[in-house]
């Protein structure tokens, strides 16, 4: 029998990943609430890539918005 659970945690305030422990335990904080979990190095690498891809996408979108804003200001001068 498989049992699964989804926990609605809300917006994360901060995270913690120990640099001196080798258990790969991750902490996600929302006020006084904390979610603790561990992950393998392989899963950590996958998360790293996905976060990097997402941050690159966000930066690209912001750069495009800034260019459009700058172009709009140049045309109005």
N, C-alpha and C. Protein backbone atom coordinates (compact mmCIF):
# COMPACT_ATOMS: atom_id res chain seq x y z
N UNK A 1 0.84 -1.17 0.00
CA UNK A 1 0.00 0.00 0.00
C UNK A 1 0.89 1.24 0.00
N UNK A 2 0.54 2.19 -0.86
CA UNK A 2 1.30 3.44 -0.94
C UNK A 2 0.53 4.54 -0.22
N UNK A 3 1.23 5.26 0.63
CA UNK A 3 0.64 6.39 1.34
C UNK A 3 1.44 7.63 0.95
N UNK A 4 0.73 8.67 0.55
CA UNK A 4 1.41 9.92 0.22
C UNK A 4 0.70 11.07 0.89
N UNK A 5 1.41 12.17 1.02
CA UNK A 5 0.85 13.33 1.69
C UNK A 5 1.39 14.59 1.04
N UNK A 6 0.52 15.55 0.84
CA UNK A 6 0.92 16.87 0.34
C UNK A 6 0.72 17.86 1.47
N UNK A 7 1.76 18.69 1.71
CA UNK A 7 1.70 19.67 2.78
C UNK A 7 1.76 21.05 2.15
N UNK A 8 0.75 21.89 2.41
CA UNK A 8 0.77 23.27 1.96
C UNK A 8 1.56 24.07 2.99
N UNK A 9 2.67 24.64 2.56
CA UNK A 9 3.60 25.29 3.48
C UNK A 9 3.57 26.80 3.35
N UNK A 10 3.18 27.32 2.20
CA UNK A 10 3.19 28.76 1.99
C UNK A 10 4.55 29.24 1.51
N UNK A 11 4.73 30.54 1.51
CA UNK A 11 5.96 31.17 1.03
C UNK A 11 7.12 30.91 1.99
N UNK A 12 8.22 30.47 1.47
CA UNK A 12 9.40 30.17 2.28
C UNK A 12 10.13 31.47 2.61
N UNK A 13 10.45 31.68 3.90
CA UNK A 13 11.20 32.86 4.35
C UNK A 13 12.69 32.70 4.09
N UNK A 14 13.21 31.52 4.42
CA UNK A 14 14.63 31.26 4.21
C UNK A 14 14.89 29.76 4.22
N UNK A 15 16.08 29.39 3.79
CA UNK A 15 16.49 27.99 3.72
C UNK A 15 17.80 27.80 4.45
N UNK A 16 18.09 26.56 4.76
CA UNK A 16 19.37 26.23 5.39
C UNK A 16 19.83 24.87 4.90
N UNK A 17 21.07 24.79 4.53
CA UNK A 17 21.73 23.54 4.15
C UNK A 17 23.11 23.59 4.78
N UNK A 18 23.36 22.69 5.71
CA UNK A 18 24.62 22.69 6.44
C UNK A 18 25.80 22.48 5.51
N UNK A 19 26.83 23.27 5.71
CA UNK A 19 28.05 23.11 4.91
C UNK A 19 29.05 22.16 5.59
N UNK A 20 28.79 21.79 6.83
CA UNK A 20 29.74 20.93 7.54
C UNK A 20 29.21 19.53 7.78
N UNK A 21 27.90 19.33 7.69
CA UNK A 21 27.34 17.98 7.85
C UNK A 21 27.22 17.33 6.48
N UNK A 22 27.36 16.04 6.43
CA UNK A 22 27.31 15.34 5.14
C UNK A 22 26.00 14.60 4.91
N UNK A 23 24.95 14.94 5.67
CA UNK A 23 23.69 14.22 5.53
C UNK A 23 22.76 14.81 4.48
N UNK A 24 23.17 15.92 3.86
CA UNK A 24 22.38 16.59 2.82
C UNK A 24 20.99 16.95 3.31
N UNK A 25 20.87 17.31 4.57
CA UNK A 25 19.59 17.72 5.13
C UNK A 25 19.32 19.18 4.75
N UNK A 26 18.12 19.43 4.28
CA UNK A 26 17.69 20.76 3.86
C UNK A 26 16.58 21.21 4.79
N UNK A 27 16.63 22.48 5.18
CA UNK A 27 15.58 23.08 6.00
C UNK A 27 14.92 24.19 5.20
N UNK A 28 13.59 24.17 5.16
CA UNK A 28 12.80 25.24 4.56
C UNK A 28 12.00 25.89 5.68
N UNK A 29 12.11 27.20 5.82
CA UNK A 29 11.48 27.90 6.93
C UNK A 29 10.38 28.84 6.44
N UNK A 30 9.29 28.84 7.21
CA UNK A 30 8.20 29.79 7.03
C UNK A 30 7.81 30.24 8.43
N UNK A 31 8.37 31.35 8.85
CA UNK A 31 8.16 31.78 10.24
C UNK A 31 8.74 30.75 11.18
N UNK A 32 7.92 30.26 12.11
CA UNK A 32 8.37 29.25 13.06
C UNK A 32 8.22 27.83 12.52
N UNK A 33 7.57 27.68 11.38
CA UNK A 33 7.38 26.36 10.78
C UNK A 33 8.61 25.95 9.97
N UNK A 34 8.98 24.69 10.07
CA UNK A 34 10.16 24.17 9.38
C UNK A 34 9.83 22.84 8.72
N UNK A 35 10.27 22.68 7.49
CA UNK A 35 10.19 21.39 6.81
C UNK A 35 11.63 20.90 6.66
N UNK A 36 11.90 19.68 7.11
CA UNK A 36 13.23 19.08 7.00
C UNK A 36 13.15 17.90 6.05
N UNK A 37 14.13 17.79 5.17
CA UNK A 37 14.21 16.62 4.30
C UNK A 37 15.65 16.43 3.86
N UNK A 38 15.95 15.25 3.37
CA UNK A 38 17.28 14.97 2.82
C UNK A 38 17.11 14.61 1.35
N UNK A 39 18.21 14.74 0.62
CA UNK A 39 18.19 14.36 -0.79
C UNK A 39 19.56 13.83 -1.17
N UNK A 40 19.57 12.98 -2.17
CA UNK A 40 20.84 12.44 -2.65
C UNK A 40 21.58 13.53 -3.43
N UNK A 41 22.84 13.29 -3.66
CA UNK A 41 23.63 14.23 -4.45
C UNK A 41 23.06 14.38 -5.86
N UNK A 42 22.56 13.28 -6.41
CA UNK A 42 21.97 13.32 -7.75
C UNK A 42 20.73 14.22 -7.78
N UNK A 43 19.87 14.07 -6.80
CA UNK A 43 18.67 14.91 -6.74
C UNK A 43 19.06 16.37 -6.48
N UNK A 44 20.08 16.58 -5.65
CA UNK A 44 20.55 17.94 -5.39
C UNK A 44 21.06 18.58 -6.68
N UNK A 45 21.76 17.82 -7.50
CA UNK A 45 22.25 18.34 -8.79
C UNK A 45 21.09 18.67 -9.72
N UNK A 46 20.05 17.85 -9.71
CA UNK A 46 18.86 18.13 -10.52
C UNK A 46 18.19 19.42 -10.06
N UNK A 47 18.05 19.59 -8.74
CA UNK A 47 17.45 20.81 -8.19
C UNK A 47 18.29 22.02 -8.56
N UNK A 48 19.60 21.88 -8.46
CA UNK A 48 20.52 22.97 -8.81
C UNK A 48 20.30 23.40 -10.26
N UNK A 49 20.20 22.43 -11.17
CA UNK A 49 19.99 22.75 -12.58
C UNK A 49 18.64 23.42 -12.81
N UNK A 50 17.59 22.90 -12.18
CA UNK A 50 16.26 23.49 -12.35
C UNK A 50 16.20 24.91 -11.79
N UNK A 51 16.81 25.14 -10.64
CA UNK A 51 16.85 26.49 -10.07
C UNK A 51 17.66 27.43 -10.97
N UNK A 52 18.78 26.94 -11.48
CA UNK A 52 19.59 27.75 -12.39
C UNK A 52 18.83 28.11 -13.65
N UNK A 53 18.12 27.14 -14.23
CA UNK A 53 17.31 27.40 -15.42
C UNK A 53 16.23 28.43 -15.13
N UNK A 54 15.57 28.30 -13.98
CA UNK A 54 14.50 29.23 -13.62
C UNK A 54 15.04 30.63 -13.40
N UNK A 55 16.17 30.75 -12.70
CA UNK A 55 16.77 32.06 -12.46
C UNK A 55 17.25 32.70 -13.76
N UNK A 56 17.77 31.90 -14.68
CA UNK A 56 18.18 32.42 -15.99
C UNK A 56 16.98 32.94 -16.76
N UNK A 57 15.87 32.21 -16.70
CA UNK A 57 14.64 32.64 -17.38
C UNK A 57 14.13 33.96 -16.79
N UNK A 58 14.12 34.06 -15.47
CA UNK A 58 13.67 35.29 -14.81
C UNK A 58 14.56 36.46 -15.20
N UNK A 59 15.87 36.26 -15.20
CA UNK A 59 16.80 37.32 -15.56
C UNK A 59 16.60 37.76 -17.01
N UNK A 60 16.37 36.81 -17.89
CA UNK A 60 16.14 37.12 -19.30
C UNK A 60 14.87 37.95 -19.46
N UNK A 61 13.80 37.56 -18.76
CA UNK A 61 12.54 38.31 -18.83
C UNK A 61 12.72 39.72 -18.30
N UNK A 62 13.43 39.88 -17.21
CA UNK A 62 13.66 41.22 -16.64
C UNK A 62 14.51 42.07 -17.56
N UNK A 63 15.50 41.46 -18.19
CA UNK A 63 16.34 42.19 -19.14
C UNK A 63 15.52 42.68 -20.32
N UNK A 64 14.64 41.82 -20.82
CA UNK A 64 13.78 42.20 -21.94
C UNK A 64 12.83 43.33 -21.53
N UNK A 65 12.27 43.25 -20.34
CA UNK A 65 11.39 44.32 -19.84
C UNK A 65 12.16 45.63 -19.71
N UNK A 66 13.38 45.57 -19.22
CA UNK A 66 14.20 46.78 -19.06
C UNK A 66 14.53 47.38 -20.44
N UNK A 67 14.83 46.54 -21.41
CA UNK A 67 15.11 47.03 -22.76
C UNK A 67 13.88 47.73 -23.35
N UNK A 68 12.70 47.12 -23.16
CA UNK A 68 11.48 47.73 -23.67
C UNK A 68 11.20 49.06 -22.98
N UNK A 69 11.43 49.11 -21.68
CA UNK A 69 11.24 50.35 -20.95
C UNK A 69 12.22 51.43 -21.43
N UNK A 70 13.47 51.05 -21.64
CA UNK A 70 14.47 51.98 -22.12
C UNK A 70 14.13 52.47 -23.52
N UNK A 71 13.67 51.57 -24.39
CA UNK A 71 13.28 51.95 -25.75
C UNK A 71 12.09 52.91 -25.71
N UNK A 72 11.15 52.66 -24.83
CA UNK A 72 9.98 53.54 -24.70
C UNK A 72 10.37 54.92 -24.21
N UNK A 73 11.32 54.99 -23.29
CA UNK A 73 11.79 56.28 -22.79
C UNK A 73 12.58 57.02 -23.86
N UNK A 74 13.33 56.31 -24.68
CA UNK A 74 14.12 56.92 -25.74
C UNK A 74 13.19 57.52 -26.80
N UNK A 75 12.11 56.84 -27.10
CA UNK A 75 11.18 57.33 -28.12
C UNK A 75 10.41 58.55 -27.65
N UNK A 76 10.19 58.69 -26.35
CA UNK A 76 9.42 59.82 -25.84
C UNK A 76 10.27 61.07 -25.66
N UNK A 77 11.56 60.95 -25.79
CA UNK A 77 12.44 62.13 -25.61
C UNK A 77 12.57 62.93 -26.86
